[in-house]
ModelCIF file with pLDDT and N, C-alpha, C, O atoms, coordinates in Angstrom:
data_MODEL
#
_entry.id   MODEL 
#
_entity.id                         1 
_entity.type                       polymer 
_entity.pdbx_number_of_molecules   1 
#
_entity_poly.entity_id                      1 
_entity_poly.type                           'polypeptide(L)' 
_entity_poly.nstd_linkage                   no 
_entity_poly.nstd_monomer                   no 
_entity_poly.pdbx_seq_one_letter_code       FLHLYREYGATLQVCGADQWGNSIAGVELIRRIEGAEANIWSAPL 
_entity_poly.pdbx_seq_one_letter_code_can   FLHLYREYGATLQVCGADQWGNSIAGVELIRRIEGAEANIWSAPL 
_entity_poly.pdbx_strand_id                 A 
#
loop_
_entity_poly_seq.entity_id 
_entity_poly_seq.num 
_entity_poly_seq.mon_id 
_entity_poly_seq.hetero 
1 1  PHE n 
1 2  LEU n 
1 3  HIS n 
1 4  LEU n 
1 5  TYR n 
1 6  ARG n 
1 7  GLU n 
1 8  TYR n 
1 9  GLY n 
1 10 ALA n 
1 11 THR n 
1 12 LEU n 
1 13 GLN n 
1 14 VAL n 
1 15 CYS n 
1 16 GLY n 
1 17 ALA n 
1 18 ASP n 
1 19 GLN n 
1 20 TRP n 
1 21 GLY n 
1 22 ASN n 
1 23 SER n 
1 24 ILE n 
1 25 ALA n 
1 26 GLY n 
1 27 VAL n 
1 28 GLU n 
1 29 LEU n 
1 30 ILE n 
1 31 ARG n 
1 32 ARG n 
1 33 ILE n 
1 34 GLU n 
1 35 GLY n 
1 36 ALA n 
1 37 GLU n 
1 38 ALA n 
1 39 ASN n 
1 40 ILE n 
1 41 TRP n 
1 42 SER n 
1 43 ALA n 
1 44 PRO n 
1 45 LEU n 
#
_struct_asym.id          A 
_struct_asym.entity_id   1 
#
loop_
_ma_qa_metric.id 
_ma_qa_metric.mode 
_ma_qa_metric.name 
_ma_qa_metric.software_group_id 
_ma_qa_metric.type 
1 global pLDDT . pLDDT 
2 local  pLDDT . pLDDT 
#
_ma_qa_metric_global.metric_id      1 
_ma_qa_metric_global.metric_value   94.51 
_ma_qa_metric_global.model_id       1 
_ma_qa_metric_global.ordinal_id     1 
#
loop_
_ma_qa_metric_local.label_asym_id 
_ma_qa_metric_local.label_comp_id 
_ma_qa_metric_local.label_seq_id 
_ma_qa_metric_local.metric_id 
_ma_qa_metric_local.metric_value 
_ma_qa_metric_local.model_id 
_ma_qa_metric_local.ordinal_id 
A PHE 1  2 95.00 1 1  
A LEU 2  2 97.00 1 2  
A HIS 3  2 97.00 1 3  
A LEU 4  2 97.00 1 4  
A TYR 5  2 98.00 1 5  
A ARG 6  2 97.00 1 6  
A GLU 7  2 98.00 1 7  
A TYR 8  2 98.00 1 8  
A GLY 9  2 97.00 1 9  
A ALA 10 2 97.00 1 10 
A THR 11 2 97.00 1 11 
A LEU 12 2 97.00 1 12 
A GLN 13 2 95.00 1 13 
A VAL 14 2 93.00 1 14 
A CYS 15 2 91.00 1 15 
A GLY 16 2 88.00 1 16 
A ALA 17 2 90.00 1 17 
A ASP 18 2 87.00 1 18 
A GLN 19 2 89.00 1 19 
A TRP 20 2 91.00 1 20 
A GLY 21 2 89.00 1 21 
A ASN 22 2 89.00 1 22 
A SER 23 2 92.00 1 23 
A ILE 24 2 94.00 1 24 
A ALA 25 2 94.00 1 25 
A GLY 26 2 95.00 1 26 
A VAL 27 2 97.00 1 27 
A GLU 28 2 96.00 1 28 
A LEU 29 2 96.00 1 29 
A ILE 30 2 97.00 1 30 
A ARG 31 2 97.00 1 31 
A ARG 32 2 97.00 1 32 
A ILE 33 2 97.00 1 33 
A GLU 34 2 97.00 1 34 
A GLY 35 2 97.00 1 35 
A ALA 36 2 97.00 1 36 
A GLU 37 2 97.00 1 37 
A ALA 38 2 97.00 1 38 
A ASN 39 2 97.00 1 39 
A ILE 40 2 96.00 1 40 
A TRP 41 2 95.00 1 41 
A SER 42 2 94.00 1 42 
A ALA 43 2 90.00 1 43 
A PRO 44 2 89.00 1 44 
A LEU 45 2 88.00 1 45 
#
loop_
_atom_site.group_PDB 
_atom_site.id 
_atom_site.type_symbol 
_atom_site.label_atom_id 
_atom_site.label_alt_id 
_atom_site.label_comp_id 
_atom_site.label_asym_id 
_atom_site.label_entity_id 
_atom_site.label_seq_id 
_atom_site.pdbx_PDB_ins_code 
_atom_site.Cartn_x 
_atom_site.Cartn_y 
_atom_site.Cartn_z 
_atom_site.occupancy 
_atom_site.B_iso_or_equiv 
_atom_site.pdbx_formal_charge 
_atom_site.auth_seq_id 
_atom_site.auth_comp_id 
_atom_site.auth_asym_id 
_atom_site.auth_atom_id 
_atom_site.pdbx_PDB_model_num 
ATOM 1   N N  . PHE A 1 1  ? 0.358   4.090   4.732  1.00 95.00 ? 1  PHE A N  1 
ATOM 2   C CA . PHE A 1 1  ? 1.183   3.090   4.050  1.00 95.00 ? 1  PHE A CA 1 
ATOM 3   C C  . PHE A 1 1  ? 2.555   3.690   3.716  1.00 95.00 ? 1  PHE A C  1 
ATOM 4   O O  . PHE A 1 1  ? 3.574   3.016   3.865  1.00 95.00 ? 1  PHE A O  1 
ATOM 5   N N  . LEU A 1 2  ? 2.585   4.948   3.268  1.00 97.00 ? 2  LEU A N  1 
ATOM 6   C CA . LEU A 1 2  ? 3.858   5.619   2.987  1.00 97.00 ? 2  LEU A CA 1 
ATOM 7   C C  . LEU A 1 2  ? 4.718   5.681   4.250  1.00 97.00 ? 2  LEU A C  1 
ATOM 8   O O  . LEU A 1 2  ? 5.921   5.429   4.192  1.00 97.00 ? 2  LEU A O  1 
ATOM 9   N N  . HIS A 1 3  ? 4.117   6.008   5.373  1.00 97.00 ? 3  HIS A N  1 
ATOM 10  C CA . HIS A 1 3  ? 4.852   6.049   6.647  1.00 97.00 ? 3  HIS A CA 1 
ATOM 11  C C  . HIS A 1 3  ? 5.417   4.670   6.984  1.00 97.00 ? 3  HIS A C  1 
ATOM 12  O O  . HIS A 1 3  ? 6.583   4.553   7.360  1.00 97.00 ? 3  HIS A O  1 
ATOM 13  N N  . LEU A 1 4  ? 4.592   3.621   6.852  1.00 97.00 ? 4  LEU A N  1 
ATOM 14  C CA . LEU A 1 4  ? 5.059   2.266   7.146  1.00 97.00 ? 4  LEU A CA 1 
ATOM 15  C C  . LEU A 1 4  ? 6.194   1.863   6.203  1.00 97.00 ? 4  LEU A C  1 
ATOM 16  O O  . LEU A 1 4  ? 7.130   1.174   6.609  1.00 97.00 ? 4  LEU A O  1 
ATOM 17  N N  . TYR A 1 5  ? 6.108   2.293   4.955  1.00 98.00 ? 5  TYR A N  1 
ATOM 18  C CA . TYR A 1 5  ? 7.181   2.016   3.995  1.00 98.00 ? 5  TYR A CA 1 
ATOM 19  C C  . TYR A 1 5  ? 8.476   2.702   4.441  1.00 98.00 ? 5  TYR A C  1 
ATOM 20  O O  . TYR A 1 5  ? 9.538   2.081   4.481  1.00 98.00 ? 5  TYR A O  1 
ATOM 21  N N  . ARG A 1 6  ? 8.372   3.982   4.772  1.00 97.00 ? 6  ARG A N  1 
ATOM 22  C CA . ARG A 1 6  ? 9.557   4.753   5.152  1.00 97.00 ? 6  ARG A CA 1 
ATOM 23  C C  . ARG A 1 6  ? 10.170  4.283   6.471  1.00 97.00 ? 6  ARG A C  1 
ATOM 24  O O  . ARG A 1 6  ? 11.389  4.153   6.577  1.00 97.00 ? 6  ARG A O  1 
ATOM 25  N N  . GLU A 1 7  ? 9.339   4.031   7.464  1.00 98.00 ? 7  GLU A N  1 
ATOM 26  C CA . GLU A 1 7  ? 9.838   3.697   8.796  1.00 98.00 ? 7  GLU A CA 1 
ATOM 27  C C  . GLU A 1 7  ? 10.217  2.234   8.972  1.00 98.00 ? 7  GLU A C  1 
ATOM 28  O O  . GLU A 1 7  ? 11.146  1.916   9.715  1.00 98.00 ? 7  GLU A O  1 
ATOM 29  N N  . TYR A 1 8  ? 9.497   1.336   8.288  1.00 98.00 ? 8  TYR A N  1 
ATOM 30  C CA . TYR A 1 8  ? 9.693   -0.092  8.528  1.00 98.00 ? 8  TYR A CA 1 
ATOM 31  C C  . TYR A 1 8  ? 9.980   -0.909  7.264  1.00 98.00 ? 8  TYR A C  1 
ATOM 32  O O  . TYR A 1 8  ? 10.176  -2.122  7.337  1.00 98.00 ? 8  TYR A O  1 
ATOM 33  N N  . GLY A 1 9  ? 10.005  -0.247  6.121  1.00 97.00 ? 9  GLY A N  1 
ATOM 34  C CA . GLY A 1 9  ? 10.265  -0.962  4.874  1.00 97.00 ? 9  GLY A CA 1 
ATOM 35  C C  . GLY A 1 9  ? 9.094   -1.798  4.395  1.00 97.00 ? 9  GLY A C  1 
ATOM 36  O O  . GLY A 1 9  ? 9.274   -2.702  3.579  1.00 97.00 ? 9  GLY A O  1 
ATOM 37  N N  . ALA A 1 10 ? 7.896   -1.510  4.887  1.00 97.00 ? 10 ALA A N  1 
ATOM 38  C CA . ALA A 1 10 ? 6.710   -2.281  4.475  1.00 97.00 ? 10 ALA A CA 1 
ATOM 39  C C  . ALA A 1 10 ? 6.436   -2.068  2.989  1.00 97.00 ? 10 ALA A C  1 
ATOM 40  O O  . ALA A 1 10 ? 6.353   -0.931  2.526  1.00 97.00 ? 10 ALA A O  1 
ATOM 41  N N  . THR A 1 11 ? 6.298   -3.151  2.253  1.00 97.00 ? 11 THR A N  1 
ATOM 42  C CA . THR A 1 11 ? 5.981   -3.053  0.822  1.00 97.00 ? 11 THR A CA 1 
ATOM 43  C C  . THR A 1 11 ? 4.705   -3.786  0.460  1.00 97.00 ? 11 THR A C  1 
ATOM 44  O O  . THR A 1 11 ? 4.316   -3.826  -0.707 1.00 97.00 ? 11 THR A O  1 
ATOM 45  N N  . LEU A 1 12 ? 4.050   -4.369  1.459  1.00 97.00 ? 12 LEU A N  1 
ATOM 46  C CA . LEU A 1 12 ? 2.792   -5.072  1.218  1.00 97.00 ? 12 LEU A CA 1 
ATOM 47  C C  . LEU A 1 12 ? 1.782   -4.658  2.269  1.00 97.00 ? 12 LEU A C  1 
ATOM 48  O O  . LEU A 1 12 ? 2.065   -4.686  3.466  1.00 97.00 ? 12 LEU A O  1 
ATOM 49  N N  . GLN A 1 13 ? 0.608   -4.275  1.813  1.00 95.00 ? 13 GLN A N  1 
ATOM 50  C CA . GLN A 1 13 ? -0.489  -3.958  2.713  1.00 95.00 ? 13 GLN A CA 1 
ATOM 51  C C  . GLN A 1 13 ? -1.595  -4.975  2.460  1.00 95.00 ? 13 GLN A C  1 
ATOM 52  O O  . GLN A 1 13 ? -1.988  -5.207  1.317  1.00 95.00 ? 13 GLN A O  1 
ATOM 53  N N  . VAL A 1 14 ? -2.089  -5.573  3.525  1.00 93.00 ? 14 VAL A N  1 
ATOM 54  C CA . VAL A 1 14 ? -3.173  -6.536  3.440  1.00 93.00 ? 14 VAL A CA 1 
ATOM 55  C C  . VAL A 1 14 ? -4.464  -5.813  3.811  1.00 93.00 ? 14 VAL A C  1 
ATOM 56  O O  . VAL A 1 14 ? -4.507  -5.066  4.788  1.00 93.00 ? 14 VAL A O  1 
ATOM 57  N N  . CYS A 1 15 ? -5.508  -6.040  3.029  1.00 91.00 ? 15 CYS A N  1 
ATOM 58  C CA . CYS A 1 15 ? -6.762  -5.330  3.291  1.00 91.00 ? 15 CYS A CA 1 
ATOM 59  C C  . CYS A 1 15 ? -7.951  -6.187  2.901  1.00 91.00 ? 15 CYS A C  1 
ATOM 60  O O  . CYS A 1 15 ? -7.824  -7.177  2.181  1.00 91.00 ? 15 CYS A O  1 
ATOM 61  N N  . GLY A 1 16 ? -9.103  -5.781  3.394  1.00 88.00 ? 16 GLY A N  1 
ATOM 62  C CA . GLY A 1 16 ? -10.350 -6.381  2.956  1.00 88.00 ? 16 GLY A CA 1 
ATOM 63  C C  . GLY A 1 16 ? -10.729 -5.798  1.613  1.00 88.00 ? 16 GLY A C  1 
ATOM 64  O O  . GLY A 1 16 ? -10.285 -4.708  1.254  1.00 88.00 ? 16 GLY A O  1 
ATOM 65  N N  . ALA A 1 17 ? -11.548 -6.522  0.870  1.00 90.00 ? 17 ALA A N  1 
ATOM 66  C CA . ALA A 1 17 ? -11.928 -6.082  -0.465 1.00 90.00 ? 17 ALA A CA 1 
ATOM 67  C C  . ALA A 1 17 ? -12.570 -4.697  -0.456 1.00 90.00 ? 17 ALA A C  1 
ATOM 68  O O  . ALA A 1 17 ? -12.482 -3.971  -1.447 1.00 90.00 ? 17 ALA A O  1 
ATOM 69  N N  . ASP A 1 18 ? -13.209 -4.326  0.637  1.00 87.00 ? 18 ASP A N  1 
ATOM 70  C CA . ASP A 1 18 ? -13.846 -3.012  0.716  1.00 87.00 ? 18 ASP A CA 1 
ATOM 71  C C  . ASP A 1 18 ? -12.836 -1.880  0.874  1.00 87.00 ? 18 ASP A C  1 
ATOM 72  O O  . ASP A 1 18 ? -13.199 -0.710  0.756  1.00 87.00 ? 18 ASP A O  1 
ATOM 73  N N  . GLN A 1 19 ? -11.575 -2.212  1.139  1.00 89.00 ? 19 GLN A N  1 
ATOM 74  C CA . GLN A 1 19 ? -10.535 -1.200  1.321  1.00 89.00 ? 19 GLN A CA 1 
ATOM 75  C C  . GLN A 1 19 ? -9.562  -1.122  0.149  1.00 89.00 ? 19 GLN A C  1 
ATOM 76  O O  . GLN A 1 19 ? -8.540  -0.442  0.237  1.00 89.00 ? 19 GLN A O  1 
ATOM 77  N N  . TRP A 1 20 ? -9.869  -1.811  -0.946 1.00 91.00 ? 20 TRP A N  1 
ATOM 78  C CA . TRP A 1 20 ? -8.952  -1.879  -2.080 1.00 91.00 ? 20 TRP A CA 1 
ATOM 79  C C  . TRP A 1 20 ? -8.606  -0.485  -2.605 1.00 91.00 ? 20 TRP A C  1 
ATOM 80  O O  . TRP A 1 20 ? -7.430  -0.173  -2.785 1.00 91.00 ? 20 TRP A O  1 
ATOM 81  N N  . GLY A 1 21 ? -9.603  0.348   -2.850 1.00 89.00 ? 21 GLY A N  1 
ATOM 82  C CA . GLY A 1 21 ? -9.365  1.684   -3.394 1.00 89.00 ? 21 GLY A CA 1 
ATOM 83  C C  . GLY A 1 21 ? -8.525  2.533   -2.472 1.00 89.00 ? 21 GLY A C  1 
ATOM 84  O O  . GLY A 1 21 ? -7.619  3.234   -2.923 1.00 89.00 ? 21 GLY A O  1 
ATOM 85  N N  . ASN A 1 22 ? -8.815  2.480   -1.177 1.00 89.00 ? 22 ASN A N  1 
ATOM 86  C CA . ASN A 1 22 ? -8.029  3.246   -0.212 1.00 89.00 ? 22 ASN A CA 1 
ATOM 87  C C  . ASN A 1 22 ? -6.591  2.746   -0.163 1.00 89.00 ? 22 ASN A C  1 
ATOM 88  O O  . ASN A 1 22 ? -5.663  3.541   -0.011 1.00 89.00 ? 22 ASN A O  1 
ATOM 89  N N  . SER A 1 23 ? -6.404  1.465   -0.288 1.00 92.00 ? 23 SER A N  1 
ATOM 90  C CA . SER A 1 23 ? -5.060  0.899   -0.222 1.00 92.00 ? 23 SER A CA 1 
ATOM 91  C C  . SER A 1 23 ? -4.236  1.243   -1.458 1.00 92.00 ? 23 SER A C  1 
ATOM 92  O O  . SER A 1 23 ? -3.022  1.421   -1.364 1.00 92.00 ? 23 SER A O  1 
ATOM 93  N N  . ILE A 1 24 ? -4.878  1.336   -2.602 1.00 94.00 ? 24 ILE A N  1 
ATOM 94  C CA . ILE A 1 24 ? -4.177  1.703   -3.832 1.00 94.00 ? 24 ILE A CA 1 
ATOM 95  C C  . ILE A 1 24 ? -3.565  3.098   -3.709 1.00 94.00 ? 24 ILE A C  1 
ATOM 96  O O  . ILE A 1 24 ? -2.531  3.380   -4.315 1.00 94.00 ? 24 ILE A O  1 
ATOM 97  N N  . ALA A 1 25 ? -4.201  3.968   -2.926 1.00 94.00 ? 25 ALA A N  1 
ATOM 98  C CA . ALA A 1 25 ? -3.661  5.316   -2.723 1.00 94.00 ? 25 ALA A CA 1 
ATOM 99  C C  . ALA A 1 25 ? -2.252  5.247   -2.154 1.00 94.00 ? 25 ALA A C  1 
ATOM 100 O O  . ALA A 1 25 ? -1.383  6.016   -2.563 1.00 94.00 ? 25 ALA A O  1 
ATOM 101 N N  . GLY A 1 26 ? -2.017  4.342   -1.224 1.00 95.00 ? 26 GLY A N  1 
ATOM 102 C CA . GLY A 1 26 ? -0.688  4.188   -0.651 1.00 95.00 ? 26 GLY A CA 1 
ATOM 103 C C  . GLY A 1 26 ? 0.325   3.660   -1.646 1.00 95.00 ? 26 GLY A C  1 
ATOM 104 O O  . GLY A 1 26 ? 1.475   4.098   -1.669 1.00 95.00 ? 26 GLY A O  1 
ATOM 105 N N  . VAL A 1 27 ? -0.108  2.714   -2.469 1.00 97.00 ? 27 VAL A N  1 
ATOM 106 C CA . VAL A 1 27 ? 0.766   2.174   -3.510 1.00 97.00 ? 27 VAL A CA 1 
ATOM 107 C C  . VAL A 1 27 ? 1.196   3.308   -4.445 1.00 97.00 ? 27 VAL A C  1 
ATOM 108 O O  . VAL A 1 27 ? 2.368   3.417   -4.804 1.00 97.00 ? 27 VAL A O  1 
ATOM 109 N N  . GLU A 1 28 ? 0.247   4.137   -4.828 1.00 96.00 ? 28 GLU A N  1 
ATOM 110 C CA . GLU A 1 28 ? 0.535   5.266   -5.718 1.00 96.00 ? 28 GLU A CA 1 
ATOM 111 C C  . GLU A 1 28 ? 1.458   6.292   -5.062 1.00 96.00 ? 28 GLU A C  1 
ATOM 112 O O  . GLU A 1 28 ? 2.385   6.788   -5.702 1.00 96.00 ? 28 GLU A O  1 
ATOM 113 N N  . LEU A 1 29 ? 1.210   6.612   -3.788 1.00 96.00 ? 29 LEU A N  1 
ATOM 114 C CA . LEU A 1 29 ? 2.084   7.562   -3.093 1.00 96.00 ? 29 LEU A CA 1 
ATOM 115 C C  . LEU A 1 29 ? 3.519   7.053   -3.025 1.00 96.00 ? 29 LEU A C  1 
ATOM 116 O O  . LEU A 1 29 ? 4.461   7.803   -3.278 1.00 96.00 ? 29 LEU A O  1 
ATOM 117 N N  . ILE A 1 30 ? 3.681   5.792   -2.687 1.00 97.00 ? 30 ILE A N  1 
ATOM 118 C CA . ILE A 1 30 ? 5.024   5.209   -2.600 1.00 97.00 ? 30 ILE A CA 1 
ATOM 119 C C  . ILE A 1 30 ? 5.696   5.239   -3.974 1.00 97.00 ? 30 ILE A C  1 
ATOM 120 O O  . ILE A 1 30 ? 6.881   5.554   -4.079 1.00 97.00 ? 30 ILE A O  1 
ATOM 121 N N  . ARG A 1 31 ? 4.948   4.914   -5.015 1.00 97.00 ? 31 ARG A N  1 
ATOM 122 C CA . ARG A 1 31 ? 5.502   4.925   -6.374 1.00 97.00 ? 31 ARG A CA 1 
ATOM 123 C C  . ARG A 1 31 ? 5.911   6.342   -6.780 1.00 97.00 ? 31 ARG A C  1 
ATOM 124 O O  . ARG A 1 31 ? 7.009   6.547   -7.297 1.00 97.00 ? 31 ARG A O  1 
ATOM 125 N N  . ARG A 1 32 ? 5.032   7.315   -6.546 1.00 97.00 ? 32 ARG A N  1 
ATOM 126 C CA . ARG A 1 32 ? 5.295   8.687   -6.992 1.00 97.00 ? 32 ARG A CA 1 
ATOM 127 C C  . ARG A 1 32 ? 6.325   9.415   -6.123 1.00 97.00 ? 32 ARG A C  1 
ATOM 128 O O  . ARG A 1 32 ? 7.191   10.110  -6.654 1.00 97.00 ? 32 ARG A O  1 
ATOM 129 N N  . ILE A 1 33 ? 6.245   9.268   -4.813 1.00 97.00 ? 33 ILE A N  1 
ATOM 130 C CA . ILE A 1 33 ? 7.130   10.018  -3.914 1.00 97.00 ? 33 ILE A CA 1 
ATOM 131 C C  . ILE A 1 33 ? 8.478   9.331   -3.747 1.00 97.00 ? 33 ILE A C  1 
ATOM 132 O O  . ILE A 1 33 ? 9.521   9.984   -3.766 1.00 97.00 ? 33 ILE A O  1 
ATOM 133 N N  . GLU A 1 34 ? 8.455   8.025   -3.584 1.00 97.00 ? 34 GLU A N  1 
ATOM 134 C CA . GLU A 1 34 ? 9.694   7.291   -3.299 1.00 97.00 ? 34 GLU A CA 1 
ATOM 135 C C  . GLU A 1 34 ? 10.278  6.600   -4.527 1.00 97.00 ? 34 GLU A C  1 
ATOM 136 O O  . GLU A 1 34 ? 11.422  6.144   -4.501 1.00 97.00 ? 34 GLU A O  1 
ATOM 137 N N  . GLY A 1 35 ? 9.492   6.521   -5.605 1.00 97.00 ? 35 GLY A N  1 
ATOM 138 C CA . GLY A 1 35 ? 9.972   5.827   -6.797 1.00 97.00 ? 35 GLY A CA 1 
ATOM 139 C C  . GLY A 1 35 ? 10.139  4.340   -6.571 1.00 97.00 ? 35 GLY A C  1 
ATOM 140 O O  . GLY A 1 35 ? 10.945  3.697   -7.243 1.00 97.00 ? 35 GLY A O  1 
ATOM 141 N N  . ALA A 1 36 ? 9.392   3.790   -5.640 1.00 97.00 ? 36 ALA A N  1 
ATOM 142 C CA . ALA A 1 36 ? 9.526   2.372   -5.279 1.00 97.00 ? 36 ALA A CA 1 
ATOM 143 C C  . ALA A 1 36 ? 8.222   1.625   -5.564 1.00 97.00 ? 36 ALA A C  1 
ATOM 144 O O  . ALA A 1 36 ? 7.169   2.221   -5.788 1.00 97.00 ? 36 ALA A O  1 
ATOM 145 N N  . GLU A 1 37 ? 8.335   0.315   -5.545 1.00 97.00 ? 37 GLU A N  1 
ATOM 146 C CA . GLU A 1 37 ? 7.169   -0.532  -5.779 1.00 97.00 ? 37 GLU A CA 1 
ATOM 147 C C  . GLU A 1 37 ? 6.606   -1.022  -4.449 1.00 97.00 ? 37 GLU A C  1 
ATOM 148 O O  . GLU A 1 37 ? 7.346   -1.447  -3.562 1.00 97.00 ? 37 GLU A O  1 
ATOM 149 N N  . ALA A 1 38 ? 5.307   -0.954  -4.333 1.00 97.00 ? 38 ALA A N  1 
ATOM 150 C CA . ALA A 1 38 ? 4.594   -1.502  -3.181 1.00 97.00 ? 38 ALA A CA 1 
ATOM 151 C C  . ALA A 1 38 ? 3.356   -2.199  -3.724 1.00 97.00 ? 38 ALA A C  1 
ATOM 152 O O  . ALA A 1 38 ? 2.919   -1.933  -4.843 1.00 97.00 ? 38 ALA A O  1 
ATOM 153 N N  . ASN A 1 39 ? 2.800   -3.089  -2.922 1.00 97.00 ? 39 ASN A N  1 
ATOM 154 C CA . ASN A 1 39 ? 1.659   -3.881  -3.373 1.00 97.00 ? 39 ASN A CA 1 
ATOM 155 C C  . ASN A 1 39 ? 0.603   -3.979  -2.282 1.00 97.00 ? 39 ASN A C  1 
ATOM 156 O O  . ASN A 1 39 ? 0.861   -3.716  -1.108 1.00 97.00 ? 39 ASN A O  1 
ATOM 157 N N  . ILE A 1 40 ? -0.578  -4.362  -2.701 1.00 96.00 ? 40 ILE A N  1 
ATOM 158 C CA . ILE A 1 40 ? -1.632  -4.688  -1.746 1.00 96.00 ? 40 ILE A CA 1 
ATOM 159 C C  . ILE A 1 40 ? -2.140  -6.082  -2.067 1.00 96.00 ? 40 ILE A C  1 
ATOM 160 O O  . ILE A 1 40 ? -2.071  -6.542  -3.206 1.00 96.00 ? 40 ILE A O  1 
ATOM 161 N N  . TRP A 1 41 ? -2.642  -6.732  -1.053 1.00 95.00 ? 41 TRP A N  1 
ATOM 162 C CA . TRP A 1 41 ? -3.301  -8.022  -1.197 1.00 95.00 ? 41 TRP A CA 1 
ATOM 163 C C  . TRP A 1 41 ? -4.656  -7.863  -0.538 1.00 95.00 ? 41 TRP A C  1 
ATOM 164 O O  . TRP A 1 41 ? -4.752  -7.664  0.673  1.00 95.00 ? 41 TRP A O  1 
ATOM 165 N N  . SER A 1 42 ? -5.697  -7.952  -1.342 1.00 94.00 ? 42 SER A N  1 
ATOM 166 C CA . SER A 1 42 ? -7.034  -7.803  -0.763 1.00 94.00 ? 42 SER A CA 1 
ATOM 167 C C  . SER A 1 42 ? -7.718  -9.160  -0.713 1.00 94.00 ? 42 SER A C  1 
ATOM 168 O O  . SER A 1 42 ? -7.583  -9.988  -1.614 1.00 94.00 ? 42 SER A O  1 
ATOM 169 N N  . ALA A 1 43 ? -8.447  -9.355  0.358  1.00 90.00 ? 43 ALA A N  1 
ATOM 170 C CA . ALA A 1 43 ? -9.163  -10.608 0.579  1.00 90.00 ? 43 ALA A CA 1 
ATOM 171 C C  . ALA A 1 43 ? -10.661 -10.319 0.598  1.00 90.00 ? 43 ALA A C  1 
ATOM 172 O O  . ALA A 1 43 ? -11.087 -9.234  0.995  1.00 90.00 ? 43 ALA A O  1 
ATOM 173 N N  . PRO A 1 44 ? -11.449 -11.290 0.169  1.00 89.00 ? 44 PRO A N  1 
ATOM 174 C CA . PRO A 1 44 ? -12.899 -11.099 0.257  1.00 89.00 ? 44 PRO A CA 1 
ATOM 175 C C  . PRO A 1 44 ? -13.317 -10.880 1.709  1.00 89.00 ? 44 PRO A C  1 
ATOM 176 O O  . PRO A 1 44 ? -12.695 -11.401 2.635  1.00 89.00 ? 44 PRO A O  1 
ATOM 177 N N  . LEU A 1 45 ? -14.355 -10.118 1.884  1.00 88.00 ? 45 LEU A N  1 
ATOM 178 C CA . LEU A 1 45 ? -14.876 -9.882  3.230  1.00 88.00 ? 45 LEU A CA 1 
ATOM 179 C C  . LEU A 1 45 ? -15.524 -11.148 3.762  1.00 88.00 ? 45 LEU A C  1 
ATOM 180 O O  . LEU A 1 45 ? -16.026 -11.159 4.885  1.00 88.00 ? 45 LEU A O  1 
#
């Protein structure tokens, strides 16, 4: 997610509910490393 943010400006990651925890890791990396806001949208499986 950090790579997609840096290379393409991606600020939203879409995931299944089973990937919520893994996706939050990217949100945190972007916040801590880049000082920027990113989000995830999780959908029920």
